[in-house]
Amino acid sequence: MNTLEAIMTRHSYRGKYKSISVSREDLIKIMAAGLAAPSGCNKQTTSLIAVDDPAVLEKLHKVIRPAAGETAPAMICVLARRIIAYRDKCFAVQDYSAAIQNMLLAAVELGYESCWYEGHVTDTDRIGDQMAQILGVPEEYELICYLPIGVAEEEVRGPKKKEFAERAWFNGFPEELK
């Protein structure tokens, strides 16, 4: 699979996973792809924890509500540190977003599926804090996302996307859309 094929075939997978383990070698490849992402002013604010121990996965899934990705045999937790990079700006959101996208593409390349779960992890109930406590994450890091990793049990289907011409143009915004 080439890069463009991975980009065009990757979709958020929210179904059940087969009980096929994810090798440490593949988890390392996926995480290395994430850490190879660009980072604002090279501050490298993103860190990762792969979880493949069923007992640790069970503890994490007890605090994740609503339940999501609970049948995946592995998970990658994404940590961010808020470091000022340039002109009082922190690029942690851009850094971890680029890392997550790279990992999602690497997972597809290796035959796995995943989904970017962030919203209910960082919401007011602070599930990410509970997950971080289980994993022994120091306070200067924030657990902002997790990616279940595994082989899809169900057919992977993506949403209908708008046509290219509805969202991409050349040399300016189209007059007919103003």
Protein backbone atom coordinates (compact mmCIF):
# COMPACT_ATOMS: atom_id res chain seq x y z
CA MET A 1 0.00 0.00 0.00
CA ASN A 2 1.36 3.42 -0.84
CA THR A 3 0.82 6.60 1.15
CA LEU A 4 -2.02 7.95 -1.00
CA GLU A 5 -3.81 4.60 -0.89
CA ALA A 6 -3.52 4.54 2.92
CA ILE A 7 -4.89 8.09 3.10
CA MET A 8 -7.84 7.31 0.86
CA THR A 9 -8.74 3.97 2.53
CA ARG A 10 -8.34 5.01 6.18
CA HIS A 11 -11.63 5.52 8.01
CA SER A 12 -12.56 5.78 11.67
CA TYR A 13 -13.48 2.28 12.76
CA ARG A 14 -15.91 2.03 15.67
CA GLY A 15 -16.86 -1.64 15.35
CA LYS A 16 -15.73 -4.79 17.11
CA TYR A 17 -12.22 -6.16 16.74
CA LYS A 18 -11.07 -9.72 16.14
CA SER A 19 -9.20 -11.37 19.00
CA ILE A 20 -5.96 -11.34 17.01
CA SER A 21 -3.12 -9.81 18.97
CA VAL A 22 -1.14 -6.85 17.67
CA SER A 23 2.57 -7.60 17.72
CA ARG A 24 4.93 -5.37 19.67
CA GLU A 25 6.86 -4.94 16.43
CA ASP A 26 3.76 -3.48 14.75
CA LEU A 27 2.96 -1.28 17.77
CA ILE A 28 6.53 0.05 17.63
CA LYS A 29 6.15 0.79 13.90
CA ILE A 30 2.86 2.61 14.49
CA MET A 31 4.27 4.66 17.38
CA ALA A 32 7.49 5.43 15.47
CA ALA A 33 5.33 6.79 12.63
CA GLY A 34 3.58 9.03 15.16
CA LEU A 35 6.82 10.28 16.64
CA ALA A 36 8.15 11.02 13.14
CA ALA A 37 5.41 13.64 12.65
CA PRO A 38 6.34 17.31 12.45
CA SER A 39 6.47 19.20 15.73
CA GLY A 40 6.20 22.98 16.17
CA CYS A 41 9.72 24.39 16.72
CA ASN A 42 10.78 20.75 17.26
CA LYS A 43 9.50 20.87 20.86
CA GLN A 44 8.32 17.24 20.51
CA THR A 45 5.40 17.70 22.88
CA THR A 46 3.77 14.35 22.04
CA SER A 47 4.54 11.11 23.90
CA LEU A 48 2.90 7.71 23.57
CA ILE A 49 2.05 4.68 25.69
CA ALA A 50 1.09 1.43 23.98
CA VAL A 51 -1.05 -0.92 26.04
CA ASP A 52 -1.27 -4.59 25.09
CA ASP A 53 -1.59 -6.20 28.53
CA PRO A 54 -5.19 -7.45 28.87
CA ALA A 55 -5.28 -6.63 32.59
CA VAL A 56 -4.24 -2.99 31.97
CA LEU A 57 -6.66 -2.72 29.03
CA GLU A 58 -9.46 -3.95 31.31
CA LYS A 59 -8.64 -1.30 33.93
CA LEU A 60 -8.63 1.42 31.26
CA HIS A 61 -11.92 0.28 29.77
CA LYS A 62 -13.59 0.36 33.18
CA VAL A 63 -13.17 4.16 33.22
CA ILE A 64 -13.88 4.86 29.52
CA ARG A 65 -17.52 5.97 29.23
CA PRO A 66 -19.19 5.63 26.87
CA ALA A 67 -17.42 2.39 26.04
CA ALA A 68 -15.41 2.54 22.83
CA GLY A 69 -12.84 0.22 21.30
CA GLU A 70 -13.21 -2.20 24.18
CA THR A 71 -12.62 -5.32 22.05
CA ALA A 72 -9.35 -4.08 20.54
CA PRO A 73 -6.34 -6.14 21.66
CA ALA A 74 -4.17 -3.01 21.93
CA MET A 75 -4.43 0.70 22.51
CA ILE A 76 -2.11 3.64 22.06
CA CYS A 77 -2.58 6.49 24.52
CA VAL A 78 -1.44 9.91 23.35
CA LEU A 79 0.11 12.28 25.85
CA ALA A 80 0.75 15.99 25.37
CA ARG A 81 2.90 18.47 27.24
CA ARG A 82 2.03 22.15 26.98
CA ILE A 83 5.41 23.71 26.11
CA ILE A 84 5.73 27.27 24.83
CA ALA A 85 7.45 27.09 21.46
CA TYR A 86 7.45 30.47 19.77
CA ARG A 87 6.06 33.94 20.58
CA ASP A 88 4.14 32.59 23.57
CA LYS A 89 2.51 29.94 21.37
CA CYS A 90 2.13 26.28 22.22
CA PHE A 91 1.78 23.88 19.31
CA ALA A 92 0.87 20.78 21.33
CA VAL A 93 -2.52 20.38 19.57
CA GLN A 94 -0.90 20.55 16.13
CA ASP A 95 1.90 18.22 17.28
CA TYR A 96 -0.34 15.47 18.61
CA SER A 97 -2.78 15.83 15.70
CA ALA A 98 0.02 15.21 13.20
CA ALA A 99 1.27 12.27 15.28
CA ILE A 100 -2.21 10.74 15.49
CA GLN A 101 -2.78 11.05 11.74
CA ASN A 102 0.56 9.36 11.06
CA MET A 103 -0.35 6.52 13.43
CA LEU A 104 -3.78 6.04 11.89
CA LEU A 105 -2.18 5.75 8.45
CA ALA A 106 0.54 3.39 9.69
CA ALA A 107 -2.10 1.18 11.33
CA VAL A 108 -4.00 0.88 8.03
CA GLU A 109 -0.74 0.13 6.19
CA LEU A 110 -0.11 -2.74 8.62
CA GLY A 111 -3.64 -4.18 8.26
CA TYR A 112 -5.23 -2.73 11.41
CA GLU A 113 -8.06 -0.34 12.06
CA SER A 114 -8.46 2.38 14.65
CA CYS A 115 -10.34 5.50 15.66
CA TRP A 116 -9.25 8.80 17.22
CA TYR A 117 -11.04 8.99 20.59
CA GLU A 118 -10.46 12.38 22.16
CA GLY A 119 -13.76 14.15 22.86
CA HIS A 120 -15.04 12.16 25.79
CA VAL A 121 -11.49 11.61 27.11
CA THR A 122 -10.87 15.34 27.58
CA ASP A 123 -14.46 16.33 28.39
CA THR A 124 -15.53 17.68 31.79
CA ASP A 125 -15.60 14.20 33.36
CA ARG A 126 -11.81 14.02 32.74
CA ILE A 127 -11.62 10.35 31.73
CA GLY A 128 -8.12 11.05 30.41
CA ASP A 129 -6.99 11.92 33.94
CA GLN A 130 -8.34 8.61 35.23
CA MET A 131 -6.59 6.74 32.40
CA ALA A 132 -3.35 8.63 33.12
CA GLN A 133 -3.53 7.65 36.78
CA ILE A 134 -3.88 3.97 35.85
CA LEU A 135 -0.82 4.28 33.59
CA GLY A 136 1.26 6.24 36.11
CA VAL A 137 1.55 9.32 33.91
CA PRO A 138 3.21 12.35 35.61
CA GLU A 139 1.12 15.52 36.05
CA GLU A 140 3.02 17.56 33.44
CA TYR A 141 1.57 15.30 30.75
CA GLU A 142 -2.07 15.25 29.69
CA LEU A 143 -3.61 12.06 28.29
CA ILE A 144 -5.64 13.59 25.48
CA CYS A 145 -6.53 10.69 23.22
CA TYR A 146 -6.45 6.95 22.73
CA LEU A 147 -6.40 4.82 19.61
CA PRO A 148 -7.69 1.25 19.82
CA ILE A 149 -5.60 -0.91 17.49
CA GLY A 150 -6.70 -4.22 16.02
CA VAL A 151 -8.06 -6.17 13.10
CA ALA A 152 -11.63 -5.21 12.22
CA GLU A 153 -14.28 -7.83 12.78
CA GLU A 154 -16.77 -5.96 10.60
CA GLU A 155 -16.54 -4.39 7.16
CA VAL A 156 -14.89 -0.99 7.29
CA ARG A 157 -17.02 1.74 5.76
CA GLY A 158 -16.30 5.40 5.51
CA PRO A 159 -18.73 8.30 5.50
CA LYS A 160 -19.85 9.98 2.31
CA LYS A 161 -17.49 12.84 1.57
CA LYS A 162 -18.42 16.02 -0.26
CA GLU A 163 -17.15 16.30 -3.80
CA PHE A 164 -13.63 17.71 -4.23
CA ALA A 165 -14.91 20.85 -5.98
CA GLU A 166 -17.16 21.67 -3.00
CA ARG A 167 -14.18 22.06 -0.67
CA ALA A 168 -11.05 22.69 -2.73
CA TRP A 169 -10.31 25.46 -5.24
CA PHE A 170 -7.49 27.17 -7.12
CA ASN A 171 -6.36 30.78 -6.85
CA GLY A 172 -9.13 32.05 -4.60
CA PHE A 173 -12.53 31.37 -3.09
CA PRO A 174 -15.16 30.82 -5.85
CA GLU A 175 -17.43 33.81 -6.46
CA GLU A 176 -20.49 31.57 -6.90
CA LEU A 177 -20.07 30.33 -3.32
CA LYS A 178 -19.86 33.77 -1.67
